[in-house]
């Protein structure tokens, strides 16, 4: 067990995200850029990706603009469509 994990969970820090934090904003921006880059590398339009996922055209657009968060399951599907490893989307 991780030292002090119980205290960490009690304080509920593990799910707290401050959207105003500069590092959070930067990581989110870089993630969106990676999404867009992966789609372009695959030679696909937002419409084509939306169709493959069975979603509305605005679905992918909202991901890339940051208006909608990407669910992990959806990220796995996008990675398959774009033929990218999940690690491509992880910003370090």
N, C-alpha and C. Protein backbone atom coordinates (compact mmCIF):
# COMPACT_ATOMS: atom_id res chain seq x y z
N UNK A 1 0.84 -1.19 0.00
CA UNK A 1 0.00 0.00 0.00
C UNK A 1 0.88 1.25 0.00
N UNK A 2 0.43 2.26 -0.70
CA UNK A 2 1.17 3.52 -0.79
C UNK A 2 1.19 4.18 0.58
N UNK A 3 2.34 4.64 1.05
CA UNK A 3 2.39 5.30 2.35
C UNK A 3 1.44 6.49 2.38
N UNK A 4 0.74 6.59 3.43
CA UNK A 4 -0.20 7.70 3.66
C UNK A 4 -1.35 7.75 2.66
N UNK A 5 -1.56 6.67 1.94
CA UNK A 5 -2.63 6.65 0.94
C UNK A 5 -4.00 6.91 1.56
N UNK A 6 -4.23 6.30 2.71
CA UNK A 6 -5.52 6.46 3.37
C UNK A 6 -5.79 7.94 3.68
N UNK A 7 -4.77 8.64 4.17
CA UNK A 7 -4.93 10.07 4.46
C UNK A 7 -5.17 10.87 3.18
N UNK A 8 -4.48 10.47 2.14
CA UNK A 8 -4.62 11.12 0.84
C UNK A 8 -6.06 11.01 0.34
N UNK A 9 -6.63 9.82 0.46
CA UNK A 9 -8.00 9.59 0.02
C UNK A 9 -8.98 10.34 0.91
N UNK A 10 -8.72 10.37 2.20
CA UNK A 10 -9.61 11.10 3.11
C UNK A 10 -9.69 12.57 2.74
N UNK A 11 -8.56 13.13 2.33
CA UNK A 11 -8.55 14.56 1.95
C UNK A 11 -9.15 14.77 0.57
N UNK A 12 -9.36 13.70 -0.15
CA UNK A 12 -9.99 13.72 -1.48
C UNK A 12 -9.19 14.52 -2.50
N UNK A 13 -7.89 14.58 -2.33
CA UNK A 13 -7.04 15.30 -3.28
C UNK A 13 -6.91 14.56 -4.60
N UNK A 14 -7.14 13.28 -4.61
CA UNK A 14 -6.93 12.47 -5.79
C UNK A 14 -7.85 12.81 -6.94
N UNK A 15 -8.96 13.50 -6.68
CA UNK A 15 -9.84 13.84 -7.79
C UNK A 15 -10.00 15.34 -7.97
N UNK A 16 -9.29 16.10 -7.17
CA UNK A 16 -9.42 17.55 -7.25
C UNK A 16 -8.58 18.08 -8.41
N UNK A 17 -9.20 18.85 -9.27
CA UNK A 17 -8.52 19.48 -10.39
C UNK A 17 -8.89 20.94 -10.37
N UNK A 18 -7.89 21.77 -10.46
CA UNK A 18 -8.14 23.20 -10.51
C UNK A 18 -8.01 23.64 -11.96
N UNK A 19 -9.14 23.89 -12.64
CA UNK A 19 -9.09 24.26 -14.05
C UNK A 19 -8.35 25.57 -14.31
N UNK A 20 -8.13 26.37 -13.27
CA UNK A 20 -7.42 27.64 -13.45
C UNK A 20 -5.91 27.47 -13.33
N UNK A 21 -5.48 26.30 -12.92
CA UNK A 21 -4.05 26.01 -12.78
C UNK A 21 -3.39 26.02 -14.16
N UNK A 22 -2.30 26.76 -14.30
CA UNK A 22 -1.62 26.91 -15.59
C UNK A 22 -1.11 25.57 -16.14
N UNK A 23 -0.59 24.72 -15.27
CA UNK A 23 -0.08 23.44 -15.76
C UNK A 23 -1.22 22.56 -16.26
N UNK A 24 -2.38 22.63 -15.61
CA UNK A 24 -3.55 21.88 -16.06
C UNK A 24 -4.00 22.40 -17.43
N UNK A 25 -4.08 23.71 -17.56
CA UNK A 25 -4.50 24.30 -18.83
C UNK A 25 -3.54 23.94 -19.95
N UNK A 26 -2.25 23.98 -19.65
CA UNK A 26 -1.24 23.65 -20.65
C UNK A 26 -1.34 22.18 -21.08
N UNK A 27 -1.49 21.28 -20.12
CA UNK A 27 -1.61 19.86 -20.43
C UNK A 27 -2.85 19.58 -21.27
N UNK A 28 -3.93 20.25 -20.94
CA UNK A 28 -5.18 20.08 -21.69
C UNK A 28 -5.05 20.59 -23.12
N UNK A 29 -4.38 21.73 -23.27
CA UNK A 29 -4.16 22.29 -24.61
C UNK A 29 -3.29 21.34 -25.45
N UNK A 30 -2.23 20.82 -24.85
CA UNK A 30 -1.36 19.89 -25.57
C UNK A 30 -2.09 18.60 -25.95
N UNK A 31 -2.95 18.13 -25.07
CA UNK A 31 -3.74 16.93 -25.36
C UNK A 31 -4.65 17.18 -26.56
N UNK A 32 -5.31 18.33 -26.58
CA UNK A 32 -6.18 18.67 -27.72
C UNK A 32 -5.38 18.76 -29.01
N UNK A 33 -4.18 19.31 -28.93
CA UNK A 33 -3.32 19.39 -30.12
C UNK A 33 -2.94 18.00 -30.61
N UNK A 34 -2.69 17.09 -29.67
CA UNK A 34 -2.36 15.71 -30.05
C UNK A 34 -3.55 15.04 -30.72
N UNK A 35 -4.75 15.29 -30.22
CA UNK A 35 -5.95 14.72 -30.85
C UNK A 35 -6.07 15.19 -32.30
N UNK A 36 -5.90 16.48 -32.49
CA UNK A 36 -6.00 17.06 -33.83
C UNK A 36 -4.89 16.53 -34.73
N UNK A 37 -3.67 16.47 -34.21
CA UNK A 37 -2.53 15.97 -34.99
C UNK A 37 -2.74 14.51 -35.40
N UNK A 38 -3.24 13.70 -34.49
CA UNK A 38 -3.47 12.28 -34.79
C UNK A 38 -4.49 12.12 -35.92
N UNK A 39 -5.54 12.93 -35.87
CA UNK A 39 -6.57 12.86 -36.91
C UNK A 39 -5.98 13.27 -38.25
N UNK A 40 -5.22 14.35 -38.25
CA UNK A 40 -4.61 14.82 -39.50
C UNK A 40 -3.59 13.83 -40.03
N UNK A 41 -2.79 13.24 -39.12
CA UNK A 41 -1.81 12.22 -39.54
C UNK A 41 -2.51 11.03 -40.21
N UNK A 42 -3.71 10.72 -39.74
CA UNK A 42 -4.48 9.61 -40.31
C UNK A 42 -5.16 10.00 -41.62
N UNK A 43 -5.10 11.29 -41.95
CA UNK A 43 -5.70 11.77 -43.19
C UNK A 43 -7.22 11.78 -43.15
N UNK A 44 -7.78 12.00 -41.96
CA UNK A 44 -9.23 11.97 -41.80
C UNK A 44 -9.78 13.35 -41.45
N UNK A 45 -11.02 13.58 -41.85
CA UNK A 45 -11.72 14.80 -41.45
C UNK A 45 -12.50 14.51 -40.17
N UNK A 46 -12.94 15.56 -39.52
CA UNK A 46 -13.77 15.39 -38.32
C UNK A 46 -15.03 14.61 -38.66
N UNK A 47 -15.60 14.88 -39.81
CA UNK A 47 -16.81 14.19 -40.23
C UNK A 47 -16.59 12.70 -40.41
N UNK A 48 -15.47 12.33 -41.01
CA UNK A 48 -15.17 10.91 -41.22
C UNK A 48 -14.99 10.18 -39.89
N UNK A 49 -14.31 10.82 -38.96
CA UNK A 49 -14.11 10.20 -37.65
C UNK A 49 -15.44 10.07 -36.92
N UNK A 50 -16.24 11.11 -36.98
CA UNK A 50 -17.56 11.07 -36.33
C UNK A 50 -18.41 9.94 -36.88
N UNK A 51 -18.38 9.78 -38.19
CA UNK A 51 -19.15 8.71 -38.84
C UNK A 51 -18.67 7.34 -38.37
N UNK A 52 -17.36 7.15 -38.30
CA UNK A 52 -16.81 5.87 -37.85
C UNK A 52 -17.20 5.57 -36.40
N UNK A 53 -17.35 6.63 -35.60
CA UNK A 53 -17.72 6.44 -34.20
C UNK A 53 -19.23 6.41 -34.00
N UNK A 54 -19.97 6.74 -35.07
CA UNK A 54 -21.42 6.76 -34.96
C UNK A 54 -21.93 7.95 -34.16
N UNK A 55 -21.20 9.06 -34.26
CA UNK A 55 -21.53 10.27 -33.50
C UNK A 55 -21.80 11.43 -34.46
N UNK A 56 -22.34 12.51 -33.92
CA UNK A 56 -22.57 13.72 -34.71
C UNK A 56 -21.23 14.36 -35.04
N UNK A 57 -21.19 15.14 -36.12
CA UNK A 57 -19.95 15.81 -36.56
C UNK A 57 -19.39 16.69 -35.45
N UNK A 58 -20.25 17.33 -34.70
CA UNK A 58 -19.79 18.25 -33.65
C UNK A 58 -19.08 17.53 -32.52
N UNK A 59 -19.27 16.23 -32.43
CA UNK A 59 -18.66 15.43 -31.37
C UNK A 59 -17.14 15.58 -31.39
N UNK A 60 -16.51 15.36 -32.52
CA UNK A 60 -15.06 15.44 -32.64
C UNK A 60 -14.60 16.88 -32.56
N UNK A 61 -15.36 17.77 -33.14
CA UNK A 61 -15.03 19.19 -33.08
C UNK A 61 -14.97 19.67 -31.64
N UNK A 62 -15.93 19.25 -30.83
CA UNK A 62 -15.95 19.67 -29.42
C UNK A 62 -14.77 19.10 -28.65
N UNK A 63 -14.33 17.90 -28.99
CA UNK A 63 -13.13 17.33 -28.37
C UNK A 63 -11.93 18.21 -28.67
N UNK A 64 -11.75 18.52 -29.94
CA UNK A 64 -10.57 19.25 -30.36
C UNK A 64 -10.57 20.70 -29.89
N UNK A 65 -11.74 21.26 -29.66
CA UNK A 65 -11.83 22.63 -29.15
C UNK A 65 -11.76 22.68 -27.62
N UNK A 66 -11.90 21.53 -26.99
CA UNK A 66 -11.87 21.49 -25.54
C UNK A 66 -13.21 21.74 -24.89
N UNK A 67 -14.28 21.74 -25.69
CA UNK A 67 -15.62 21.95 -25.16
C UNK A 67 -16.19 20.69 -24.53
N UNK A 68 -15.58 19.56 -24.81
CA UNK A 68 -16.03 18.27 -24.27
C UNK A 68 -14.82 17.47 -23.87
N UNK A 69 -14.90 16.81 -22.73
CA UNK A 69 -13.80 15.96 -22.26
C UNK A 69 -13.86 14.59 -22.93
N UNK A 70 -12.70 14.01 -23.15
CA UNK A 70 -12.61 12.71 -23.80
C UNK A 70 -12.67 11.62 -22.74
N UNK A 71 -13.64 10.76 -22.88
CA UNK A 71 -13.77 9.59 -22.01
C UNK A 71 -12.70 8.59 -22.40
N UNK A 72 -12.21 7.80 -21.44
CA UNK A 72 -11.15 6.84 -21.72
C UNK A 72 -11.56 5.84 -22.80
N UNK A 73 -12.77 5.34 -22.73
CA UNK A 73 -13.24 4.37 -23.72
C UNK A 73 -13.25 5.00 -25.11
N UNK A 74 -13.68 6.25 -25.18
CA UNK A 74 -13.69 6.95 -26.46
C UNK A 74 -12.27 7.21 -26.95
N UNK A 75 -11.34 7.49 -26.03
CA UNK A 75 -9.95 7.69 -26.41
C UNK A 75 -9.36 6.41 -27.01
N UNK A 76 -9.71 5.28 -26.45
CA UNK A 76 -9.25 4.00 -27.00
C UNK A 76 -9.77 3.83 -28.42
N UNK A 77 -11.04 4.17 -28.63
CA UNK A 77 -11.62 4.06 -29.98
C UNK A 77 -10.93 5.01 -30.95
N UNK A 78 -10.68 6.23 -30.50
CA UNK A 78 -10.00 7.21 -31.36
C UNK A 78 -8.59 6.73 -31.70
N UNK A 79 -7.89 6.19 -30.72
CA UNK A 79 -6.53 5.69 -30.95
C UNK A 79 -6.54 4.59 -32.01
N UNK A 80 -7.53 3.73 -31.97
CA UNK A 80 -7.64 2.67 -32.99
C UNK A 80 -7.92 3.25 -34.36
N UNK A 81 -8.85 4.20 -34.41
CA UNK A 81 -9.19 4.84 -35.70
C UNK A 81 -7.97 5.55 -36.27
N UNK A 82 -7.22 6.25 -35.41
CA UNK A 82 -6.05 7.01 -35.85
C UNK A 82 -4.80 6.15 -36.00
N UNK A 83 -4.89 4.88 -35.56
CA UNK A 83 -3.75 3.96 -35.59
C UNK A 83 -2.56 4.52 -34.79
N UNK A 84 -2.90 4.99 -33.60
CA UNK A 84 -1.89 5.52 -32.68
C UNK A 84 -1.95 4.73 -31.39
N UNK A 85 -0.81 4.63 -30.73
CA UNK A 85 -0.75 4.02 -29.41
C UNK A 85 -1.31 5.02 -28.41
N UNK A 86 -1.90 4.53 -27.34
CA UNK A 86 -2.44 5.43 -26.32
C UNK A 86 -1.37 6.37 -25.76
N UNK A 87 -0.15 5.89 -25.71
CA UNK A 87 0.93 6.72 -25.16
C UNK A 87 1.15 7.99 -25.99
N UNK A 88 0.74 7.98 -27.25
CA UNK A 88 0.87 9.18 -28.09
C UNK A 88 0.11 10.36 -27.50
N UNK A 89 -1.01 10.07 -26.85
CA UNK A 89 -1.88 11.12 -26.33
C UNK A 89 -1.49 11.61 -24.95
N UNK A 90 -0.55 10.91 -24.32
CA UNK A 90 -0.12 11.29 -22.97
C UNK A 90 0.92 12.40 -23.09
N UNK A 91 0.63 13.51 -22.48
CA UNK A 91 1.51 14.66 -22.54
C UNK A 91 2.42 14.64 -21.34
N UNK A 92 3.71 14.68 -21.59
CA UNK A 92 4.68 14.71 -20.49
C UNK A 92 5.47 15.98 -20.52
